[in-house]
Amino acid sequence: MKKLLAIIMLAAISVASFSEVTRTGNIRTGGNIMSKMTFTVADSVVTDDTLSITIANIQSYQQNFTATYTLDSLSGDPSIGVTLYGKTTSNGSWTSIGTATWDDVADNPQSISSTAPAHYNWLKLEFIASSTTQESRILTLDVRTSNAINLPSNSGTLTISRATSGTVTITSADNDANAALTVSAGGTGALTLGDAGSTTAITSSDWAIGATGAMTGIGAITADGLITGTLGATISGATTSLNASSNFATNLNTGTSTGALSLGGGSGTVAVNSSAWDVTTAGVASGLTKITTTYDGDNVIIDPAADLQVLDIQVNSSSVFNVDTTGMVNATYMRIPTVIANTDGTETLTAAMSGAFVTASKSDGATTITIPDPGAATIGVYYRILQMADQDLVVTCATANSNGIVCDGVATTDNVTISTSSHKIGAGMYILGISATKWYVGGLNPESVLTPEAAD
């Protein structure tokens, strides 16, 4: 009898050692979090033991899955294999979603996640202890899903994912493979394509907009607002009209623009037709009431029309030259070049200041006028210098000892001085660029006695 009892007890212990504990959980349809599950010491896994938790997850679309759990070691040396499974039908086969091994509380919390979306209506989390002597219990378990296609409840965001890097493509289909696809916002809601963090391109069989915004194959463009561009515009291929039949002003090259404005390219004619004056394609101007010209060349010629009986040329609104009705020419005054009044004894001239008339009036020391070193840009440049004080007057090149001046008996000097007593006031010099290597300096009048520095 005692032997029989011992055999029965050993059998019971053996069954207990290899038993499987099973719990169940639920994720409601349309939800994505398993209902809260409470664990006790009874939810333990011991040597060679298995603890399974089956979770109903009745959904109608593909999902991603994550199970996060914590365990506590009660005794021994724990080594627990954890596997997350899924299946679509209740009588289907389990498919492994992912595995992990829990060895110590340092692994908490531990997670297993799917790498690709799937449609699993049932999930199972299985904890299997190794043959090493051990006992551990489950403390917490959190199982969550994320919808791969349909919108999660109340989130408003649809994310279409794939397991590896690459392009996600949405394609419509019907029975003849020519299904149209319409994407629209509900009611008066706004439809937005793309965001500021990525590029967007649109390609059709007819036209396209590239990722940089370049448009090709676009037909007529009708805009209700202002069209603004920063890299220019090229329009060709047909008649181009700006502001046609409109009463708004048309501005070209206005504002702060410093770029050149060109009309025509030399291959076609240009005409101007305004309400007050015109210029024909042959260059005939009519209706002009005043012509203002700027000197740029050797001559400025104004040939008035036959019915223009009086020609009046003005500078700064003052008449300087006119032809009256009898044909008499009247020069009101001869305009001299720019006058520079120097009072501090130092003046530097440039080639652009050609024609300048410089007066020197410093009364307590010499006045020195510096002219550019001779070069191609100084040929034909000239200046006049007049001393108005009883002081020396010196003209010198910008570079010392350059020997760029020809003057009264000296072919190579670099400065000329007027310093003769009683012949300073009213004396002066005339300076002319005669070559790319020489200036000529002469007296402004017979009383101007010049003293050139000897050649270096």
Protein backbone atom coordinates (compact mmCIF):
# COMPACT_ATOMS: atom_id res chain seq x y z
CA MET A 1 0.00 0.00 0.00
CA LYS A 2 2.81 2.38 0.91
CA LYS A 3 4.55 1.65 -2.39
CA LEU A 4 1.31 2.43 -4.29
CA LEU A 5 0.95 5.82 -2.53
CA ALA A 6 4.55 6.70 -3.33
CA ILE A 7 4.02 5.90 -7.02
CA ILE A 8 0.86 8.07 -7.11
CA MET A 9 2.69 11.02 -5.47
CA LEU A 10 5.62 10.79 -7.90
CA ALA A 11 3.22 10.79 -10.83
CA ALA A 12 1.46 13.88 -9.48
CA ILE A 13 4.78 15.69 -9.03
CA SER A 14 5.81 14.75 -12.58
CA VAL A 15 2.54 16.09 -14.02
CA ALA A 16 2.91 19.28 -11.98
CA SER A 17 6.46 19.77 -13.22
CA PHE A 18 5.41 19.67 -16.88
CA SER A 19 2.03 21.44 -16.66
CA GLU A 20 0.99 24.38 -18.86
CA VAL A 21 -0.79 27.41 -17.39
CA THR A 22 -3.11 29.20 -19.84
CA ARG A 23 -4.68 32.68 -19.51
CA THR A 24 -6.85 34.62 -21.98
CA GLY A 25 -7.09 38.28 -22.87
CA ASN A 26 -9.02 40.43 -25.33
CA ILE A 27 -8.54 43.44 -27.63
CA ARG A 28 -11.93 44.76 -28.57
CA THR A 29 -12.87 45.17 -32.22
CA GLY A 30 -11.78 48.64 -33.34
CA GLY A 31 -9.42 48.92 -30.37
CA ASN A 32 -5.68 48.53 -30.17
CA ILE A 33 -4.85 47.80 -26.48
CA MET A 34 -5.46 44.55 -24.63
CA SER A 35 -7.86 44.80 -21.70
CA LYS A 36 -6.04 45.11 -18.39
CA MET A 37 -4.88 41.76 -17.01
CA THR A 38 -3.89 41.21 -13.35
CA PHE A 39 -1.24 38.65 -12.43
CA THR A 40 -0.62 36.76 -9.16
CA VAL A 41 1.97 34.31 -7.83
CA ALA A 42 -0.06 31.62 -9.56
CA ASP A 43 1.05 33.08 -12.90
CA SER A 44 4.50 31.58 -12.49
CA VAL A 45 6.65 29.56 -14.80
CA VAL A 46 9.02 26.95 -13.34
CA THR A 47 11.59 24.51 -14.68
CA ASP A 48 10.49 23.00 -18.01
CA ASP A 49 7.14 24.76 -17.59
CA THR A 50 5.06 26.70 -20.15
CA LEU A 51 2.72 29.63 -19.54
CA SER A 52 0.51 30.70 -22.45
CA ILE A 53 -1.67 33.79 -22.78
CA THR A 54 -4.12 33.75 -25.69
CA ILE A 55 -5.60 37.08 -26.80
CA ALA A 56 -8.64 37.53 -29.02
CA ASN A 57 -8.14 40.37 -31.50
CA ILE A 58 -11.06 40.31 -33.94
CA GLN A 59 -10.28 43.02 -36.52
CA SER A 60 -10.88 43.49 -40.25
CA TYR A 61 -7.52 44.83 -41.43
CA GLN A 62 -3.80 44.34 -41.16
CA GLN A 63 -1.93 45.45 -38.07
CA ASN A 64 1.48 45.68 -36.42
CA PHE A 65 1.86 44.01 -33.01
CA THR A 66 3.91 44.70 -29.87
CA ALA A 67 3.92 42.78 -26.57
CA THR A 68 5.73 44.35 -23.60
CA TYR A 69 6.11 42.49 -20.31
CA THR A 70 8.01 42.38 -17.00
CA LEU A 71 8.89 39.30 -14.90
CA ASP A 72 10.36 38.65 -11.47
CA SER A 73 12.71 35.79 -10.53
CA LEU A 74 11.50 33.94 -7.45
CA SER A 75 14.28 31.34 -7.28
CA GLY A 76 16.98 29.56 -9.23
CA ASP A 77 18.71 30.69 -12.40
CA PRO A 78 16.00 31.91 -14.80
CA SER A 79 16.13 31.40 -18.55
CA ILE A 80 12.75 31.83 -20.21
CA GLY A 81 12.08 31.76 -23.93
CA VAL A 82 9.28 34.13 -24.95
CA THR A 83 7.48 33.85 -28.29
CA LEU A 84 4.64 35.97 -29.73
CA TYR A 85 2.39 34.10 -32.19
CA GLY A 86 -0.53 35.06 -34.40
CA LYS A 87 -3.18 33.37 -36.49
CA THR A 88 -6.10 34.57 -38.61
CA THR A 89 -8.76 31.91 -37.90
CA SER A 90 -9.54 30.12 -34.68
CA ASN A 91 -8.65 26.72 -36.14
CA GLY A 92 -5.62 27.98 -38.11
CA SER A 93 -1.97 27.37 -37.35
CA TRP A 94 0.07 29.71 -35.18
CA THR A 95 2.73 31.81 -36.94
CA SER A 96 5.69 33.16 -34.99
CA ILE A 97 5.79 36.96 -34.89
CA GLY A 98 8.99 37.27 -32.84
CA THR A 99 11.01 35.75 -30.00
CA ALA A 100 13.12 36.87 -27.05
CA THR A 101 14.86 35.36 -23.99
CA TRP A 102 14.33 36.70 -20.47
CA ASP A 103 17.19 35.98 -18.01
CA ASP A 104 16.97 38.57 -15.28
CA VAL A 105 15.01 41.54 -13.99
CA ALA A 106 17.62 43.69 -15.76
CA ASP A 107 15.80 42.73 -19.00
CA ASN A 108 12.62 44.52 -17.82
CA PRO A 109 10.70 45.80 -19.61
CA GLN A 110 11.16 43.47 -22.57
CA SER A 111 9.27 43.75 -25.87
CA ILE A 112 8.58 41.67 -28.96
CA SER A 113 7.35 43.54 -32.06
CA SER A 114 6.29 42.48 -35.52
CA THR A 115 8.44 43.46 -38.48
CA ALA A 116 5.61 43.46 -41.03
CA PRO A 117 1.85 44.03 -40.78
CA ALA A 118 -0.45 41.02 -40.80
CA HIS A 119 -4.12 40.19 -40.24
CA TYR A 120 -4.13 38.12 -37.02
CA ASN A 121 -7.41 37.77 -35.15
CA TRP A 122 -5.76 35.70 -32.41
CA LEU A 123 -2.46 36.31 -30.61
CA LYS A 124 -0.58 34.07 -28.22
CA LEU A 125 2.30 34.93 -25.91
CA GLU A 126 4.14 31.85 -24.71
CA PHE A 127 6.67 31.74 -21.82
CA ILE A 128 8.76 28.51 -21.69
CA ALA A 129 11.26 27.93 -18.86
CA SER A 130 14.42 25.96 -19.63
CA SER A 131 15.44 22.79 -17.79
CA THR A 132 17.54 24.79 -15.34
CA THR A 133 16.06 24.86 -11.83
CA GLN A 134 14.09 28.11 -11.61
CA GLU A 135 10.83 29.85 -10.85
CA SER A 136 9.70 33.22 -12.17
CA ARG A 137 6.38 35.03 -12.22
CA ILE A 138 4.80 37.52 -14.64
CA LEU A 139 4.34 40.99 -13.19
CA THR A 140 2.84 43.01 -16.07
CA LEU A 141 1.81 42.51 -19.68
CA ASP A 142 0.85 45.12 -22.29
CA VAL A 143 -0.19 44.03 -25.80
CA ARG A 144 -0.86 46.69 -28.41
CA THR A 145 -1.62 46.81 -32.10
CA SER A 146 -1.33 49.58 -34.66
CA ASN A 147 -3.44 49.61 -37.78
CA ALA A 148 -1.48 49.37 -40.99
CA ILE A 149 -4.30 50.47 -43.32
CA ASN A 150 -7.53 51.63 -41.65
CA LEU A 151 -7.46 54.68 -39.43
CA PRO A 152 -7.11 53.95 -35.70
CA SER A 153 -10.07 55.18 -33.68
CA ASN A 154 -10.11 58.98 -33.32
CA SER A 155 -6.50 59.37 -34.53
CA GLY A 156 -7.23 60.92 -37.97
CA THR A 157 -3.89 59.67 -39.31
CA LEU A 158 -3.32 56.88 -41.84
CA THR A 159 0.17 55.38 -42.03
CA ILE A 160 0.97 52.86 -44.75
CA SER A 161 4.15 51.00 -43.87
CA ARG A 162 6.36 48.32 -45.32
CA ALA A 163 8.89 46.00 -43.70
CA THR A 164 11.91 47.27 -45.64
CA SER A 165 13.01 50.59 -47.07
CA GLY A 166 11.51 51.59 -50.41
CA THR A 167 8.52 53.20 -52.06
CA VAL A 168 4.95 52.72 -50.87
CA THR A 169 2.60 52.75 -53.89
CA ILE A 170 -1.18 53.20 -53.81
CA THR A 171 -2.87 51.84 -56.95
CA SER A 172 -6.56 51.60 -57.83
CA ALA A 173 -7.88 48.52 -59.62
CA ASP A 174 -11.09 47.27 -61.17
CA ASN A 175 -12.12 44.60 -63.67
CA ASP A 176 -10.38 46.22 -66.64
CA ALA A 177 -7.24 47.55 -64.89
CA ASN A 178 -8.16 51.15 -65.79
CA ALA A 179 -9.75 52.22 -62.53
CA ALA A 180 -9.84 55.96 -61.85
CA LEU A 181 -8.65 57.13 -58.42
CA THR A 182 -10.01 60.24 -56.72
CA VAL A 183 -8.53 61.70 -53.53
CA SER A 184 -10.68 64.42 -51.99
CA ALA A 185 -11.35 66.13 -48.71
CA GLY A 186 -14.78 65.86 -47.17
CA GLY A 187 -17.19 68.76 -47.59
CA THR A 188 -15.32 72.08 -47.55
CA GLY A 189 -12.21 70.61 -45.89
CA ALA A 190 -8.78 71.37 -47.31
CA LEU A 191 -6.76 68.78 -49.24
CA THR A 192 -3.01 68.95 -48.57
CA LEU A 193 -0.41 67.01 -50.55
CA GLY A 194 3.02 66.67 -48.92
CA ASP A 195 4.57 68.64 -46.10
CA ALA A 196 7.48 71.02 -45.55
CA GLY A 197 9.82 68.17 -44.60
CA SER A 198 9.79 66.28 -47.90
CA THR A 199 9.58 66.88 -51.65
CA THR A 200 6.44 66.35 -53.72
CA ALA A 201 6.14 65.50 -57.42
CA ILE A 202 3.12 64.96 -59.68
CA THR A 203 3.42 62.96 -62.90
CA SER A 204 0.69 62.31 -65.45
CA SER A 205 0.64 61.14 -69.07
CA ASP A 206 0.15 64.76 -70.13
CA TRP A 207 2.00 67.06 -67.74
CA ALA A 208 4.23 66.94 -64.70
CA ILE A 209 5.48 68.97 -61.76
CA GLY A 210 8.90 67.83 -60.58
CA ALA A 211 10.18 67.66 -57.01
CA THR A 212 11.85 71.07 -57.45
CA GLY A 213 8.60 72.67 -58.68
CA ALA A 214 9.53 72.68 -62.39
CA MET A 215 6.42 72.30 -64.57
CA THR A 216 6.41 70.63 -67.97
CA GLY A 217 3.61 70.08 -70.48
CA ILE A 218 1.34 72.57 -68.67
CA GLY A 219 -1.49 74.04 -70.73
CA ALA A 220 -3.04 77.47 -70.25
CA ILE A 221 -2.52 78.97 -66.78
CA THR A 222 -5.26 81.18 -65.37
CA ALA A 223 -4.45 82.93 -62.08
CA ASP A 224 -6.68 85.09 -59.88
CA GLY A 225 -3.72 86.38 -57.87
CA LEU A 226 -0.25 87.82 -58.34
CA ILE A 227 2.32 85.65 -60.14
CA THR A 228 5.76 86.16 -58.59
CA GLY A 229 9.05 84.63 -59.75
CA THR A 230 12.68 85.13 -58.71
CA LEU A 231 14.68 83.38 -61.47
CA GLY A 232 13.32 85.18 -64.51
CA ALA A 233 10.80 84.15 -67.17
CA THR A 234 11.05 82.92 -70.75
CA ILE A 235 7.89 83.11 -72.88
CA SER A 236 8.00 82.17 -76.57
CA GLY A 237 6.16 80.38 -79.35
CA ALA A 238 3.21 82.72 -79.89
CA THR A 239 2.03 86.30 -79.56
CA THR A 240 2.62 87.58 -76.03
CA SER A 241 0.35 90.24 -74.52
CA LEU A 242 0.87 92.11 -71.26
CA ASN A 243 -2.03 93.94 -69.65
CA ALA A 244 -4.12 93.75 -72.84
CA SER A 245 -7.48 95.59 -72.62
CA SER A 246 -6.78 96.50 -68.99
CA ASN A 247 -6.56 99.92 -67.37
CA PHE A 248 -3.80 99.01 -64.92
CA ALA A 249 -0.26 100.38 -65.25
CA THR A 250 2.47 98.11 -66.64
CA ASN A 251 5.90 98.49 -65.03
CA LEU A 252 9.17 97.21 -66.48
CA ASN A 253 12.46 97.44 -64.56
CA THR A 254 11.05 99.87 -62.00
CA GLY A 255 11.65 100.17 -58.28
CA THR A 256 15.26 99.70 -57.18
CA SER A 257 16.29 97.69 -60.26
CA THR A 258 19.75 98.58 -61.63
CA GLY A 259 19.66 96.10 -64.52
CA ALA A 260 19.62 97.20 -68.16
CA LEU A 261 16.28 97.33 -69.98
CA SER A 262 16.35 96.18 -73.61
CA LEU A 263 13.51 96.43 -76.13
CA GLY A 264 14.03 94.40 -79.28
CA GLY A 265 16.99 92.29 -80.29
CA GLY A 266 17.97 93.86 -83.62
CA SER A 267 16.03 91.40 -85.76
CA GLY A 268 12.60 93.02 -85.59
CA THR A 269 11.02 96.47 -85.46
CA VAL A 270 9.88 98.37 -82.36
CA ALA A 271 7.05 100.91 -82.22
CA VAL A 272 5.64 103.06 -79.40
CA ASN A 273 2.01 104.16 -79.57
CA SER A 274 0.79 106.27 -76.66
CA SER A 275 -2.11 108.70 -76.26
CA ALA A 276 0.29 111.69 -76.44
CA TRP A 277 3.26 110.73 -78.62
CA ASP A 278 4.38 107.96 -80.96
CA VAL A 279 7.46 106.43 -82.53
CA THR A 280 6.88 104.36 -85.66
CA THR A 281 8.76 101.21 -86.62
CA ALA A 282 10.75 103.43 -89.02
CA GLY A 283 11.90 105.60 -86.10
CA VAL A 284 9.69 108.62 -86.88
CA ALA A 285 8.69 110.40 -83.67
CA SER A 286 5.57 112.56 -83.43
CA GLY A 287 3.82 114.45 -80.66
CA LEU A 288 7.04 115.11 -78.75
CA THR A 289 7.02 118.47 -76.93
CA LYS A 290 10.60 118.45 -75.64
CA ILE A 291 13.73 116.45 -76.42
CA THR A 292 16.30 115.96 -73.67
CA THR A 293 19.63 114.48 -74.74
CA THR A 294 22.72 113.32 -72.87
CA TYR A 295 26.15 113.73 -74.44
CA ASP A 296 27.60 110.36 -75.37
CA GLY A 297 29.92 110.58 -78.37
CA ASP A 298 31.38 113.25 -80.55
CA ASN A 299 28.17 115.03 -81.55
CA VAL A 300 24.57 115.57 -80.51
CA ILE A 301 22.37 116.51 -83.48
CA ILE A 302 18.80 117.73 -83.17
CA ASP A 303 16.93 118.16 -86.48
CA PRO A 304 13.53 119.71 -85.74
CA ALA A 305 10.59 119.01 -87.99
CA ALA A 306 9.58 121.63 -90.56
CA ASP A 307 6.71 122.91 -88.45
CA LEU A 308 8.94 123.36 -85.39
CA GLN A 309 9.80 127.06 -85.63
CA VAL A 310 11.65 127.47 -82.34
CA LEU A 311 14.36 125.15 -80.98
CA ASP A 312 15.25 125.71 -77.33
CA ILE A 313 17.98 123.70 -75.58
CA GLN A 314 17.96 123.88 -71.79
CA VAL A 315 20.24 122.73 -68.97
CA ASN A 316 18.68 122.51 -65.51
CA SER A 317 15.59 124.35 -66.84
CA SER A 318 17.72 127.31 -68.03
CA SER A 319 17.93 128.15 -71.74
CA VAL A 320 21.53 127.92 -72.97
CA PHE A 321 21.02 127.79 -76.73
CA ASN A 322 18.08 128.54 -79.00
CA VAL A 323 17.09 129.13 -82.60
CA ASP A 324 14.33 131.73 -82.94
CA THR A 325 11.68 131.99 -85.66
CA THR A 326 14.08 133.86 -87.94
CA GLY A 327 16.71 131.14 -87.73
CA MET A 328 18.99 133.27 -85.54
CA VAL A 329 21.26 131.21 -83.26
CA ASN A 330 21.48 132.57 -79.73
CA ALA A 331 24.05 131.11 -77.32
CA THR A 332 22.93 132.29 -73.88
CA TYR A 333 26.25 131.37 -72.28
CA MET A 334 29.23 129.06 -72.72
CA ARG A 335 29.10 126.43 -70.04
CA ILE A 336 32.53 125.63 -68.54
CA PRO A 337 33.43 122.30 -67.01
CA THR A 338 32.97 121.47 -63.33
CA VAL A 339 34.72 123.91 -60.99
CA ILE A 340 36.46 122.43 -57.95
CA ALA A 341 37.24 124.97 -55.23
CA ASN A 342 40.14 123.63 -53.15
CA THR A 343 40.81 125.28 -49.79
CA ASP A 344 42.81 122.69 -47.82
CA GLY A 345 45.87 122.42 -50.11
CA THR A 346 45.36 118.84 -51.29
CA GLU A 347 43.34 117.59 -54.27
CA THR A 348 43.42 114.22 -56.06
CA LEU A 349 41.99 114.09 -59.58
CA THR A 350 40.83 111.02 -61.52
CA ALA A 351 40.45 110.35 -65.25
CA ALA A 352 36.69 110.54 -64.80
CA MET A 353 37.10 114.19 -63.70
CA SER A 354 38.45 115.23 -67.10
CA GLY A 355 37.74 118.92 -67.85
CA ALA A 356 37.75 119.94 -64.19
CA PHE A 357 38.78 123.54 -63.40
CA VAL A 358 40.47 123.55 -59.98
CA THR A 359 40.93 126.77 -57.99
CA ALA A 360 43.47 126.75 -55.12
CA SER A 361 42.92 129.22 -52.29
CA LYS A 362 44.86 127.90 -49.29
CA SER A 363 46.60 130.99 -47.85
CA ASP A 364 49.02 129.41 -45.36
CA GLY A 365 50.92 126.87 -47.44
CA ALA A 366 51.39 125.23 -50.81
CA THR A 367 48.60 123.42 -52.67
CA THR A 368 49.45 120.03 -54.17
CA ILE A 369 47.34 118.62 -57.01
CA THR A 370 47.80 114.84 -57.60
CA ILE A 371 46.97 113.52 -61.07
CA PRO A 372 46.70 109.83 -62.08
CA ASP A 373 49.72 108.01 -63.43
CA PRO A 374 49.49 108.14 -67.24
CA GLY A 375 47.82 105.21 -68.97
CA ALA A 376 45.44 104.32 -71.80
CA ALA A 377 42.53 105.76 -69.79
CA THR A 378 44.20 109.20 -69.45
CA ILE A 379 44.74 109.89 -73.15
CA GLY A 380 42.74 113.06 -73.96
CA VAL A 381 42.00 113.78 -70.29
CA TYR A 382 42.65 117.41 -69.34
CA TYR A 383 42.50 119.71 -66.32
CA ARG A 384 43.03 123.42 -65.60
CA ILE A 385 44.56 124.54 -62.29
CA LEU A 386 44.43 128.19 -61.06
CA GLN A 387 46.30 129.55 -58.01
CA MET A 388 44.31 132.24 -56.16
CA ALA A 389 46.63 132.63 -53.15
CA ASP A 390 50.21 133.86 -52.83
CA GLN A 391 51.48 130.32 -52.29
CA ASP A 392 53.30 127.66 -54.24
CA LEU A 393 51.28 125.41 -56.58
CA VAL A 394 52.50 121.83 -57.18
CA VAL A 395 51.24 119.22 -59.68
CA THR A 396 52.54 115.67 -59.20
CA CYS A 397 51.80 112.16 -60.49
CA ALA A 398 50.27 109.59 -58.12
CA THR A 399 53.46 107.51 -58.10
CA ALA A 400 56.61 109.27 -56.96
CA ASN A 401 59.55 109.31 -59.41
CA SER A 402 57.33 107.96 -62.21
CA ASN A 403 58.66 110.55 -64.69
CA GLY A 404 55.27 110.70 -66.40
CA ILE A 405 55.25 114.47 -67.21
CA VAL A 406 56.63 116.46 -70.14
CA CYS A 407 57.21 120.14 -69.26
CA ASP A 408 59.30 123.15 -70.37
CA GLY A 409 62.64 121.65 -71.27
CA VAL A 410 62.25 118.40 -69.31
CA ALA A 411 60.95 115.27 -71.06
CA THR A 412 60.72 113.07 -67.94
CA THR A 413 59.64 114.68 -64.69
CA ASP A 414 57.04 113.70 -62.10
CA ASN A 415 56.15 117.07 -60.58
CA VAL A 416 55.92 120.71 -61.66
CA THR A 417 55.86 123.74 -59.33
CA ILE A 418 54.81 127.40 -59.64
CA SER A 419 56.83 129.21 -56.97
CA THR A 420 58.14 132.48 -58.49
CA SER A 421 57.52 135.43 -56.16
CA SER A 422 55.01 138.02 -57.38
CA HIS A 423 53.87 135.52 -60.03
CA LYS A 424 51.81 133.07 -57.96
CA ILE A 425 48.39 134.69 -57.72
CA GLY A 426 46.62 134.23 -61.05
CA ALA A 427 49.17 131.70 -62.28
CA GLY A 428 48.12 128.20 -63.22
CA MET A 429 48.73 125.07 -65.26
CA TYR A 430 47.06 123.32 -68.17
CA ILE A 431 47.39 119.51 -68.03
CA LEU A 432 46.68 117.16 -70.98
CA GLY A 433 47.10 113.37 -71.33
CA ILE A 434 49.07 113.03 -74.56
CA SER A 435 49.89 109.29 -74.47
CA ALA A 436 49.64 106.20 -72.32
CA THR A 437 52.98 107.16 -70.72
CA LYS A 438 53.00 110.97 -70.59
CA TRP A 439 51.13 114.04 -69.41
CA TYR A 440 51.85 117.48 -70.89
CA VAL A 441 51.91 120.32 -68.33
CA GLY A 442 52.00 123.92 -69.60
CA GLY A 443 51.39 127.38 -68.17
CA LEU A 444 47.79 128.53 -68.01
CA ASN A 445 48.91 132.04 -69.05
CA PRO A 446 52.22 133.85 -69.82
CA GLU A 447 52.62 134.80 -66.17
CA SER A 448 52.66 131.14 -65.10
CA VAL A 449 56.34 130.35 -64.56
CA LEU A 450 56.78 126.57 -64.33
CA THR A 451 59.63 124.82 -62.52
CA PRO A 452 59.72 121.09 -63.38
CA GLU A 453 61.67 118.72 -61.18
CA ALA A 454 64.77 117.35 -62.85
CA ALA A 455 64.45 113.84 -64.25
CA ASP A 456 65.12 111.09 -61.68
